[in-house]
Protein backbone atom coordinates (compact mmCIF):
# COMPACT_ATOMS: atom_id res chain seq x y z
CA MET A 1 0.15 0.17 0.26
CA ASN A 2 1.46 3.61 -0.88
CA LYS A 3 1.96 6.10 1.45
CA LEU A 4 -1.44 8.21 0.12
CA ASP A 5 -3.56 5.38 0.95
CA LYS A 6 -1.85 4.50 4.35
CA ILE A 7 -2.78 8.11 5.02
CA VAL A 8 -6.21 7.91 3.96
CA ASN A 9 -7.35 4.44 5.54
CA TYR A 10 -5.81 6.09 8.60
CA LEU A 11 -7.77 9.21 8.49
CA ASP A 12 -10.93 7.67 7.61
CA LYS A 13 -10.65 5.18 10.51
CA THR A 14 -9.67 7.68 12.82
CA LEU A 15 -12.71 10.26 11.97
CA LYS A 16 -15.09 7.69 11.80
CA ASN A 17 -16.39 8.95 8.57
CA ASN A 18 -18.72 5.68 7.95
CA ASP A 19 -20.20 6.16 11.20
CA ILE A 20 -21.10 10.21 11.47
CA PRO A 21 -23.72 11.72 9.43
CA ASP A 22 -23.19 15.00 7.57
CA TYR A 23 -24.93 17.28 5.36
CA PRO A 24 -26.37 15.55 2.09
CA GLY A 25 -23.84 15.77 -0.78
CA ALA A 26 -20.87 16.22 1.57
CA ILE A 27 -18.16 13.92 0.95
CA ASN A 28 -15.94 13.06 3.72
CA GLY A 29 -12.66 11.44 2.90
CA LEU A 30 -10.51 11.46 -0.14
CA GLN A 31 -12.19 13.87 -2.44
CA LEU A 32 -9.45 13.88 -5.12
CA ARG A 33 -6.52 11.40 -5.66
CA GLY A 34 -2.98 12.69 -6.12
CA ASN A 35 0.43 11.35 -6.47
CA SER A 36 1.26 8.24 -3.83
CA LYS A 37 4.16 9.75 -2.63
CA ILE A 38 3.57 12.00 0.14
CA LEU A 39 6.12 14.52 1.32
CA LYS A 40 4.36 17.53 2.53
CA VAL A 41 0.89 18.00 4.09
CA GLY A 42 -1.03 21.02 3.97
CA ALA A 43 -4.35 22.39 6.14
CA ALA A 44 -6.81 24.53 5.26
CA VAL A 45 -10.39 25.28 6.28
CA ASP A 46 -11.93 25.61 2.77
CA ALA A 47 -11.02 24.05 -0.74
CA ALA A 48 -11.12 27.64 -2.62
CA LEU A 49 -9.17 28.27 -5.47
CA PRO A 50 -6.81 30.75 -3.76
CA VAL A 51 -6.18 28.14 -1.38
CA ILE A 52 -5.75 25.50 -3.98
CA ASN A 53 -3.09 27.97 -5.84
CA ASP A 54 -1.59 28.47 -2.75
CA ALA A 55 -1.02 24.96 -1.68
CA ILE A 56 0.42 23.90 -4.90
CA LYS A 57 3.21 26.70 -4.59
CA SER A 58 3.98 25.60 -1.37
CA LYS A 59 4.62 22.03 -3.02
CA VAL A 60 1.65 20.46 -0.91
CA ASN A 61 1.19 16.48 -1.60
CA LEU A 62 -1.84 16.18 0.44
CA LEU A 63 -4.51 18.73 1.02
CA ILE A 64 -6.50 18.34 4.39
CA VAL A 65 -9.45 20.46 4.41
CA HIS A 66 -12.80 21.13 6.71
CA HIS A 67 -15.17 22.33 3.65
CA GLY A 68 -14.17 20.16 0.60
CA MET A 69 -15.10 20.78 -3.29
CA PHE A 70 -18.68 18.76 -3.40
CA TRP A 71 -21.69 19.76 -1.67
CA GLY A 72 -25.28 18.97 -2.60
CA GLY A 73 -24.86 16.13 -4.95
CA THR A 74 -24.19 15.78 -8.54
CA GLN A 75 -22.22 18.93 -10.04
CA LYS A 76 -21.21 20.08 -13.30
CA ILE A 77 -17.09 19.97 -13.74
CA ASP A 78 -16.73 23.63 -15.07
CA GLY A 79 -15.75 27.07 -13.87
CA ALA A 80 -13.64 27.30 -10.45
CA LEU A 81 -14.82 23.52 -9.90
CA TYR A 82 -12.92 22.61 -12.85
CA LYS A 83 -9.91 24.99 -12.31
CA LYS A 84 -9.38 23.56 -8.92
CA ILE A 85 -9.67 19.92 -10.12
CA LYS A 86 -7.32 20.62 -13.05
CA LEU A 87 -4.78 22.40 -11.06
CA SER A 88 -4.82 19.37 -8.27
CA ILE A 89 -4.45 17.00 -10.97
CA ASP A 90 -1.71 18.44 -12.82
CA ALA A 91 0.23 19.09 -9.75
CA GLY A 92 -0.31 15.82 -8.25
CA MET A 93 -2.29 16.97 -5.09
CA ALA A 94 -4.64 15.00 -2.99
CA ILE A 95 -7.62 16.39 -1.42
CA TYR A 96 -9.02 14.84 1.30
CA SER A 97 -11.83 16.59 3.31
CA SER A 98 -13.54 16.12 7.05
CA HIS A 99 -16.59 18.07 7.92
CA ILE A 100 -19.03 16.87 10.67
CA PRO A 101 -16.70 14.04 11.55
CA LEU A 102 -13.91 16.74 12.39
CA ASP A 103 -16.28 19.10 14.27
CA VAL A 104 -17.18 16.62 16.62
CA HIS A 105 -13.97 14.73 17.31
CA PRO A 106 -13.03 14.16 20.85
CA LYS A 107 -9.21 14.56 20.36
CA TYR A 108 -8.71 16.66 16.60
CA GLY A 109 -12.40 18.49 16.76
CA ASN A 110 -12.93 22.04 16.33
CA ASN A 111 -15.22 21.81 19.25
CA VAL A 112 -12.93 20.51 21.74
CA LEU A 113 -9.93 22.45 20.55
CA LEU A 114 -11.61 25.64 20.58
CA ALA A 115 -12.89 24.71 24.37
CA LYS A 116 -9.21 23.74 24.88
CA ALA A 117 -8.07 27.12 24.00
CA LEU A 118 -10.62 28.74 26.62
CA GLY A 119 -9.10 26.51 29.23
CA LEU A 120 -12.30 24.61 29.25
CA SER A 121 -11.79 20.64 29.91
CA LYS A 122 -14.23 17.71 30.62
CA GLY A 123 -16.90 18.62 28.18
CA THR A 124 -20.18 16.78 27.87
CA PRO A 125 -21.90 16.10 24.18
CA PHE A 126 -24.86 17.88 23.70
CA LEU A 127 -27.31 19.26 21.10
CA ASP A 128 -28.95 16.59 18.88
CA TRP A 129 -28.66 16.47 15.18
CA GLU A 130 -29.21 13.50 12.67
CA GLY A 131 -28.76 11.23 15.69
CA ILE A 132 -25.47 12.49 16.91
CA LYS A 133 -24.54 15.07 19.74
CA ILE A 134 -22.97 17.98 17.56
CA GLY A 135 -21.58 20.02 20.49
CA LEU A 136 -20.09 20.28 23.79
CA LYS A 137 -21.39 21.63 26.89
CA TYR A 138 -19.16 23.03 30.41
CA ASN A 139 -19.84 23.97 33.71
CA PHE A 140 -17.75 26.77 34.03
CA LYS A 141 -17.99 30.17 35.86
CA ILE A 142 -16.64 33.50 34.42
CA LYS A 143 -17.83 36.61 34.14
CA ARG A 144 -18.39 37.07 30.65
CA LYS A 145 -16.00 39.89 29.81
CA THR A 146 -13.22 37.89 30.68
CA LEU A 147 -14.47 34.96 28.58
CA MET A 148 -14.84 37.31 25.49
CA ARG A 149 -11.05 38.22 26.03
CA LYS A 150 -10.20 34.62 26.19
CA ILE A 151 -12.32 33.87 22.97
CA GLU A 152 -10.71 36.69 21.00
CA LYS A 153 -7.15 35.82 22.01
CA ALA A 154 -8.16 32.25 20.90
CA VAL A 155 -9.55 33.39 17.29
CA ASN A 156 -6.91 35.86 17.14
CA GLY A 157 -9.88 38.63 16.34
CA LYS A 158 -12.54 40.49 17.40
CA VAL A 159 -16.02 38.80 18.02
CA HIS A 160 -19.35 39.59 18.51
CA LEU A 161 -21.87 39.28 21.31
CA ALA A 162 -25.70 39.40 21.83
CA PRO A 163 -25.82 39.82 25.48
CA GLY A 164 -28.75 38.22 26.00
CA GLY A 165 -27.98 36.47 29.32
CA ASN A 166 -26.08 37.42 32.99
CA GLU A 167 -22.53 38.82 33.10
CA GLU A 168 -22.01 35.77 35.74
CA VAL A 169 -21.47 32.79 33.04
CA LYS A 170 -22.07 29.27 34.47
CA LYS A 171 -23.15 26.98 31.57
CA ILE A 172 -21.17 27.29 28.04
CA GLY A 173 -22.42 25.66 25.00
CA ILE A 174 -20.08 25.25 22.01
CA VAL A 175 -20.74 24.37 18.28
CA THR A 176 -18.25 25.58 15.86
CA GLY A 177 -19.34 26.99 12.30
CA GLY A 178 -22.49 28.40 11.56
CA ALA A 179 -24.97 27.03 14.06
CA GLY A 180 -26.63 30.23 15.12
CA SER A 181 -29.79 28.93 13.95
CA MET A 182 -29.60 26.54 16.86
CA ILE A 183 -29.99 28.81 19.40
CA GLU A 184 -33.60 27.83 20.77
CA SER A 185 -32.40 24.27 21.17
CA VAL A 186 -29.35 25.34 23.16
CA ALA A 187 -31.80 27.71 25.23
CA ASN A 188 -33.76 24.69 25.88
CA GLN A 189 -30.79 22.56 27.45
CA GLY A 190 -30.44 25.44 29.98
CA ILE A 191 -27.28 26.87 28.64
CA ASP A 192 -26.61 30.18 29.47
CA THR A 193 -23.72 31.18 27.16
CA PHE A 194 -23.67 29.74 23.44
CA ILE A 195 -20.06 30.16 21.38
CA THR A 196 -20.68 29.58 17.79
CA GLY A 197 -19.04 31.05 14.58
CA GLU A 198 -22.12 32.81 12.84
CA GLY A 199 -25.94 33.04 12.33
CA ALA A 200 -28.44 34.82 10.87
CA HIS A 201 -29.83 38.54 11.74
CA HIS A 202 -32.63 37.10 13.96
CA THR A 203 -30.67 35.35 16.08
CA TYR A 204 -29.37 38.51 17.98
CA THR A 205 -32.93 39.43 19.41
CA LEU A 206 -33.85 35.64 19.66
CA ALA A 207 -30.78 35.26 21.86
CA GLU A 208 -32.20 38.30 24.04
CA GLU A 209 -35.56 36.93 24.39
CA LEU A 210 -34.04 33.56 25.19
CA GLY A 211 -31.94 35.00 28.03
CA VAL A 212 -28.71 33.49 26.30
CA ASN A 213 -25.34 35.19 25.69
CA LEU A 214 -24.71 34.58 22.14
CA ILE A 215 -21.20 34.88 20.87
CA TYR A 216 -20.45 34.69 17.16
CA ALA A 217 -16.17 34.01 17.06
CA GLY A 218 -16.50 33.53 13.46
CA HIS A 219 -17.38 30.85 11.16
CA TYR A 220 -13.96 30.64 9.48
CA SER A 221 -12.02 31.36 12.92
CA THR A 222 -13.77 28.74 14.81
CA GLU A 223 -12.89 25.95 12.27
CA THR A 224 -9.19 26.47 11.98
CA PHE A 225 -8.27 24.25 14.77
CA GLY A 226 -9.48 21.00 13.76
CA VAL A 227 -7.46 21.19 10.30
CA LYS A 228 -4.07 22.36 11.87
CA ALA A 229 -4.09 19.79 14.48
CA LEU A 230 -5.01 17.05 12.19
CA ALA A 231 -2.37 17.76 9.84
CA HIS A 232 0.29 18.20 12.26
CA HIS A 233 -0.72 14.82 13.63
CA VAL A 234 -0.32 13.29 10.02
CA ALA A 235 2.73 15.31 9.62
CA GLU A 236 4.09 13.61 13.17
CA LYS A 237 3.06 10.24 12.49
CA TYR A 238 4.05 10.01 8.64
CA ASN A 239 7.48 11.95 9.35
CA LEU A 240 6.11 14.65 6.75
CA LYS A 241 6.26 18.43 6.52
CA GLU A 242 3.50 20.86 7.22
CA VAL A 243 2.01 24.03 6.41
CA PHE A 244 -1.39 25.85 7.21
CA ILE A 245 -2.91 27.93 4.45
CA ASP A 246 -4.46 30.63 6.02
CA HIS A 247 -7.42 32.15 4.01
CA PRO A 248 -9.63 34.00 6.29
CA THR A 249 -13.03 35.10 5.18
CA GLY A 250 -13.94 37.53 7.83
CA LEU A 251 -17.32 35.40 8.39
């Protein structure tokens, strides 16, 4: 078995791709085969065209992303998608994607690593979604303003607060990415402060009405943790070079 297949098989088993649900049309695992010889692994949040270009310039052989190239079922191979695929094939670069499996992973997941960056430990899985628990909750007493500072340090940027709850935080819920629409379900589970990436306009006033502190820390920023950790682990395990391709969206 060549090195690419060894790494892919290892990642598939580690992330439990076959056991964890995802959005329709999302492809978790190897999305594009590349050369079998792997010397350098790259990590990125999105398999966007600028990211593909930067990864190729950085001589990445295997690019691990959180948001892959394929969503929503059958797609026409044209435009930007065609360019991404052709550039990657011409460069011999493989692309591996992990979405929900990476969000919820107990060691390399976005949720647990964001929590760790905030000084939180021993979280409990919560928030039902498609038969799994998609978030983590923590009993942790802290001043809201102190928590805000910790989050801004963790994501290296400003965050947005809907101050619907008390200044004294006691129960924190975390779902990285775009989980603002789940605020009502979160409130029903007794969470007084919910940290996620982004959400719709109306979730601000809804959080106020529900009595929950809703903190938007950025969809992109809350989902850099997993791909970085996973690529670093792969690089160490298989003696590879590594690079993070940073392409922030500001959202």
